């Protein structure tokens, strides 16, 4: 076994995370730069230190999960969600069951709540948000963001749902209350069922084809008939019918009834 294969095996035993399901070249490059920065010369030496050093383990998890996010990312897609997807879903249910999967530091689920608040009172909104990285979840719960994260937020929304503190912006409590965060591993944990909308964007590009297929099948099973999967702008599904999906709009896939 190579140095990296031994590392992958030990990480799986320690954390339950299977790095073999992530694209190897990208993951090796990202983690090699981390262990070299920390003064290690191999993956095995790096693991030995991580095994006894929780801070280093947390830093590894931070690096392997990709926490790049912003509010209303790719704004035109959020317009489609607002003007087309939510109105259709709300015809069938007054209280939508929504999951923001691999939610990173929280910009996406908070954006969902803000857009949905145009259609119904905040008291009727609950967004389930999950991520593998506990540090990302902690940042999401704190809900304090640099101005660059709000670049695509409409001015009226920025005024209504954020409070400025020095050079940072804090999500107001009434929006924070709508989002429930918990840890979840898309490649290992069971999926809840009965969702009207699942949002998982800009994450699948890091997985192998085998892992993507597994996740798309699981998302399909987790959605209600007529429910929607909303994916990122580089993550078009080329054979949606394989997962019982049909295209509703660009990057929106409806589960067949």
Protein backbone atom coordinates (compact mmCIF):
# COMPACT_ATOMS: atom_id res chain seq x y z
CA UNK A 1 0.00 0.00 0.00
CA UNK A 2 1.17 3.53 -0.75
CA UNK A 3 1.66 6.16 1.94
CA UNK A 4 -1.65 7.79 0.90
CA UNK A 5 -3.58 4.47 0.85
CA UNK A 6 -2.44 3.70 4.40
CA UNK A 7 -3.56 7.20 5.41
CA UNK A 8 -6.98 6.71 3.75
CA UNK A 9 -7.42 3.39 5.58
CA UNK A 10 -6.50 4.86 8.99
CA UNK A 11 -8.67 7.94 8.54
CA UNK A 12 -11.65 5.73 7.71
CA UNK A 13 -11.10 3.66 10.88
CA UNK A 14 -10.68 6.76 13.04
CA UNK A 15 -13.39 9.07 11.67
CA UNK A 16 -15.65 6.97 9.44
CA UNK A 17 -14.79 9.28 6.53
CA UNK A 18 -13.87 7.38 3.35
CA UNK A 19 -11.40 9.55 1.43
CA UNK A 20 -11.42 6.93 -1.35
CA UNK A 21 -14.81 8.33 -2.41
CA UNK A 22 -13.26 11.77 -3.06
CA UNK A 23 -11.29 12.51 -6.24
CA UNK A 24 -7.77 11.42 -5.31
CA UNK A 25 -5.67 14.00 -7.16
CA UNK A 26 -7.60 16.96 -5.71
CA UNK A 27 -7.65 15.56 -2.17
CA UNK A 28 -3.95 14.58 -2.17
CA UNK A 29 -2.96 18.03 -3.42
CA UNK A 30 -5.02 19.78 -0.76
CA UNK A 31 -3.78 17.58 2.10
CA UNK A 32 -0.14 17.49 0.98
CA UNK A 33 0.03 21.28 1.18
CA UNK A 34 -1.43 21.08 4.71
CA UNK A 35 0.98 18.46 6.06
CA UNK A 36 4.00 20.16 4.46
CA UNK A 37 2.94 23.47 6.01
CA UNK A 38 2.80 21.69 9.38
CA UNK A 39 6.32 20.28 8.93
CA UNK A 40 5.54 16.63 8.11
CA UNK A 41 7.12 14.66 5.28
CA UNK A 42 4.53 11.92 4.74
CA UNK A 43 0.83 11.14 5.16
CA UNK A 44 1.67 8.41 7.70
CA UNK A 45 3.64 10.81 9.93
CA UNK A 46 0.85 13.34 9.58
CA UNK A 47 -1.72 10.77 10.72
CA UNK A 48 0.37 9.72 13.76
CA UNK A 49 0.28 13.29 15.02
CA UNK A 50 -3.42 13.75 14.17
CA UNK A 51 -4.21 10.58 16.10
CA UNK A 52 -3.24 12.31 19.35
CA UNK A 53 -3.79 15.98 18.49
CA UNK A 54 -7.48 16.98 18.20
CA UNK A 55 -6.65 20.49 16.93
CA UNK A 56 -4.69 19.03 14.03
CA UNK A 57 -7.51 16.58 13.30
CA UNK A 58 -9.98 19.49 13.22
CA UNK A 59 -7.69 21.38 10.85
CA UNK A 60 -7.51 18.32 8.58
CA UNK A 61 -11.35 18.11 8.51
CA UNK A 62 -11.52 21.81 7.71
CA UNK A 63 -9.14 21.37 4.80
CA UNK A 64 -10.78 18.27 3.32
CA UNK A 65 -14.27 19.78 3.46
CA UNK A 66 -14.56 22.73 1.13
CA UNK A 67 -16.02 25.67 3.01
CA UNK A 68 -16.41 28.21 0.23
CA UNK A 69 -19.85 29.73 0.27
CA UNK A 70 -21.77 32.96 -0.05
CA UNK A 71 -25.36 34.17 0.21
CA UNK A 72 -27.55 33.91 -2.93
CA UNK A 73 -24.66 32.30 -4.84
CA UNK A 74 -25.43 32.45 -8.61
CA UNK A 75 -28.27 34.90 -8.01
CA UNK A 76 -30.35 34.06 -11.10
CA UNK A 77 -30.90 30.52 -9.79
CA UNK A 78 -32.33 31.97 -6.59
CA UNK A 79 -34.75 34.01 -8.71
CA UNK A 80 -35.97 30.74 -10.26
CA UNK A 81 -36.37 29.26 -6.78
CA UNK A 82 -38.34 32.34 -5.68
CA UNK A 83 -40.54 32.79 -8.75
CA UNK A 84 -41.09 29.22 -9.94
CA UNK A 85 -40.03 26.44 -7.55
CA UNK A 86 -41.38 27.72 -4.22
CA UNK A 87 -44.78 28.78 -5.65
CA UNK A 88 -45.29 25.30 -7.16
CA UNK A 89 -44.21 23.45 -4.01
CA UNK A 90 -46.40 25.65 -1.81
CA UNK A 91 -49.49 24.71 -3.85
CA UNK A 92 -49.21 21.21 -2.40
CA UNK A 93 -47.98 21.96 1.11
CA UNK A 94 -48.25 24.96 3.41
CA UNK A 95 -45.17 23.86 5.36
CA UNK A 96 -42.24 22.76 3.23
CA UNK A 97 -39.70 20.18 4.38
CA UNK A 98 -36.34 21.55 3.20
CA UNK A 99 -32.81 20.17 3.54
CA UNK A 100 -29.64 22.15 2.86
CA UNK A 101 -27.09 19.31 2.51
CA UNK A 102 -23.36 20.01 2.90
CA UNK A 103 -24.35 23.50 4.06
CA UNK A 104 -20.81 24.63 4.91
CA UNK A 105 -20.82 27.80 7.03
CA UNK A 106 -24.55 28.47 6.72
CA UNK A 107 -24.94 31.02 3.93
CA UNK A 108 -27.09 28.65 1.87
CA UNK A 109 -29.72 27.62 4.46
CA UNK A 110 -30.06 31.21 5.68
CA UNK A 111 -30.54 32.31 2.04
CA UNK A 112 -33.28 29.68 1.67
CA UNK A 113 -35.10 31.04 4.71
CA UNK A 114 -34.80 34.61 3.42
CA UNK A 115 -36.20 33.74 -0.02
CA UNK A 116 -38.98 31.58 1.42
CA UNK A 117 -39.95 34.41 3.81
CA UNK A 118 -41.31 36.28 0.76
CA UNK A 119 -43.96 33.54 0.49
CA UNK A 120 -44.88 32.74 4.08
CA UNK A 121 -44.28 33.86 7.68
CA UNK A 122 -40.97 32.95 9.31
CA UNK A 123 -42.93 31.06 11.99
CA UNK A 124 -43.87 28.49 9.32
CA UNK A 125 -40.31 27.99 8.04
CA UNK A 126 -37.84 25.31 9.13
CA UNK A 127 -34.69 24.59 7.16
CA UNK A 128 -32.71 21.45 8.07
CA UNK A 129 -29.01 22.08 7.42
CA UNK A 130 -26.22 19.52 7.66
CA UNK A 131 -22.49 19.31 7.14
CA UNK A 132 -19.66 16.90 7.89
CA UNK A 133 -17.46 19.60 9.42
CA UNK A 134 -18.27 20.56 13.02
CA UNK A 135 -16.16 23.74 12.74
CA UNK A 136 -18.23 24.86 9.74
CA UNK A 137 -21.44 24.16 11.68
CA UNK A 138 -20.15 26.20 14.64
CA UNK A 139 -19.47 29.14 12.29
CA UNK A 140 -22.92 28.69 10.73
CA UNK A 141 -24.59 28.85 14.15
CA UNK A 142 -22.63 32.02 15.01
CA UNK A 143 -23.96 33.53 11.72
CA UNK A 144 -21.41 36.36 11.46
CA UNK A 145 -20.06 36.98 7.96
CA UNK A 146 -17.61 39.27 6.12
CA UNK A 147 -19.13 41.73 3.65
CA UNK A 148 -17.82 39.77 0.63
CA UNK A 149 -20.18 36.88 1.54
CA UNK A 150 -23.14 39.22 0.97
CA UNK A 151 -22.11 40.42 -2.50
CA UNK A 152 -25.20 38.95 -4.21
CA UNK A 153 -27.75 39.69 -1.47
CA UNK A 154 -30.47 42.10 -2.68
CA UNK A 155 -30.17 45.45 -0.82
CA UNK A 156 -33.66 45.17 0.71
CA UNK A 157 -32.86 41.72 2.11
CA UNK A 158 -29.53 42.96 3.48
CA UNK A 159 -31.32 45.77 5.33
CA UNK A 160 -34.12 43.51 6.60
CA UNK A 161 -32.21 40.45 7.79
CA UNK A 162 -28.65 41.55 8.68
CA UNK A 163 -27.15 43.77 11.37
CA UNK A 164 -23.79 45.36 10.66
CA UNK A 165 -21.12 45.06 13.36
CA UNK A 166 -17.88 46.83 12.39
CA UNK A 167 -16.88 45.25 9.05
CA UNK A 168 -19.01 42.13 9.62
CA UNK A 169 -22.68 41.32 9.13
CA UNK A 170 -24.75 39.28 11.55
CA UNK A 171 -27.85 37.33 10.55
CA UNK A 172 -30.82 38.56 12.60
CA UNK A 173 -32.25 36.18 15.26
CA UNK A 174 -35.59 35.71 13.48
CA UNK A 175 -33.78 34.11 10.51
CA UNK A 176 -31.32 32.17 12.68
CA UNK A 177 -34.25 30.53 14.46
CA UNK A 178 -35.56 29.01 11.23
CA UNK A 179 -32.45 26.89 10.59
CA UNK A 180 -31.64 23.66 12.48
CA UNK A 181 -28.05 22.48 12.10
CA UNK A 182 -26.61 19.01 12.67
CA UNK A 183 -23.62 16.91 11.60
CA UNK A 184 -24.18 14.51 8.69
CA UNK A 185 -21.92 12.52 6.35
CA UNK A 186 -23.51 12.24 2.89
CA UNK A 187 -21.39 9.17 2.09
CA UNK A 188 -22.11 7.20 5.25
CA UNK A 189 -25.12 8.34 7.27
CA UNK A 190 -28.78 7.51 6.63
CA UNK A 191 -30.95 10.13 4.94
CA UNK A 192 -34.27 11.38 6.31
CA UNK A 193 -37.27 11.11 4.00
CA UNK A 194 -40.18 13.23 2.81
CA UNK A 195 -38.36 16.36 1.62
CA UNK A 196 -40.01 18.88 -0.71
CA UNK A 197 -36.65 20.47 -1.56
CA UNK A 198 -33.04 19.34 -1.18
CA UNK A 199 -30.31 21.86 -1.92
CA UNK A 200 -26.79 20.48 -2.43
CA UNK A 201 -24.53 22.80 -4.40
CA UNK A 202 -20.85 22.91 -5.32
CA UNK A 203 -19.96 19.77 -3.38
CA UNK A 204 -20.49 16.88 -5.81
CA UNK A 205 -17.60 18.04 -8.01
CA UNK A 206 -15.20 16.72 -5.35
CA UNK A 207 -16.59 13.16 -5.32
CA UNK A 208 -15.83 10.18 -7.54
CA UNK A 209 -18.49 9.12 -10.09
CA UNK A 210 -19.33 6.11 -7.89
CA UNK A 211 -19.91 8.34 -4.85
CA UNK A 212 -22.02 10.81 -6.86
CA UNK A 213 -24.30 8.02 -8.09
CA UNK A 214 -24.80 6.79 -4.53
CA UNK A 215 -25.66 10.29 -3.30
CA UNK A 216 -28.06 11.09 -6.17
CA UNK A 217 -29.92 7.80 -5.58
CA UNK A 218 -30.15 8.64 -1.87
CA UNK A 219 -31.41 12.17 -2.60
CA UNK A 220 -34.06 10.75 -4.93
CA UNK A 221 -35.31 8.37 -2.22
CA UNK A 222 -35.31 11.23 0.31
CA UNK A 223 -37.54 13.46 -1.86
CA UNK A 224 -41.32 13.32 -2.07
CA UNK A 225 -42.75 12.72 -5.57
CA UNK A 226 -42.70 16.17 -7.18
CA UNK A 227 -39.94 17.30 -4.81
CA UNK A 228 -36.91 19.17 -6.14
CA UNK A 229 -33.12 18.76 -6.03
CA UNK A 230 -31.26 22.06 -6.54
CA UNK A 231 -27.59 21.59 -7.56
CA UNK A 232 -24.61 23.85 -8.22
CA UNK A 233 -23.75 25.60 -11.47
CA UNK A 234 -21.04 23.07 -12.40
CA UNK A 235 -23.03 20.01 -11.41
CA UNK A 236 -25.53 19.31 -14.18
CA UNK A 237 -26.92 15.76 -13.98
CA UNK A 238 -26.49 14.28 -17.47
CA UNK A 239 -28.78 11.28 -17.03
CA UNK A 240 -31.46 12.48 -14.58
CA UNK A 241 -33.96 9.71 -15.41
CA UNK A 242 -31.49 7.21 -13.93
CA UNK A 243 -32.37 8.71 -10.52
CA UNK A 244 -36.09 9.15 -11.26
CA UNK A 245 -35.57 12.89 -11.94
CA UNK A 246 -36.69 15.17 -14.74
CA UNK A 247 -35.39 18.66 -15.48
CA UNK A 248 -37.65 21.40 -14.08
CA UNK A 249 -35.24 24.25 -14.83
CA UNK A 250 -31.48 24.69 -15.22
CA UNK A 251 -29.91 22.99 -12.15
CA UNK A 252 -33.34 22.07 -10.72
CA UNK A 253 -34.46 18.44 -10.93
CA UNK A 254 -37.98 17.30 -10.05
CA UNK A 255 -38.59 13.80 -8.76
CA UNK A 256 -41.13 12.08 -11.00
CA UNK A 257 -44.57 11.61 -9.50
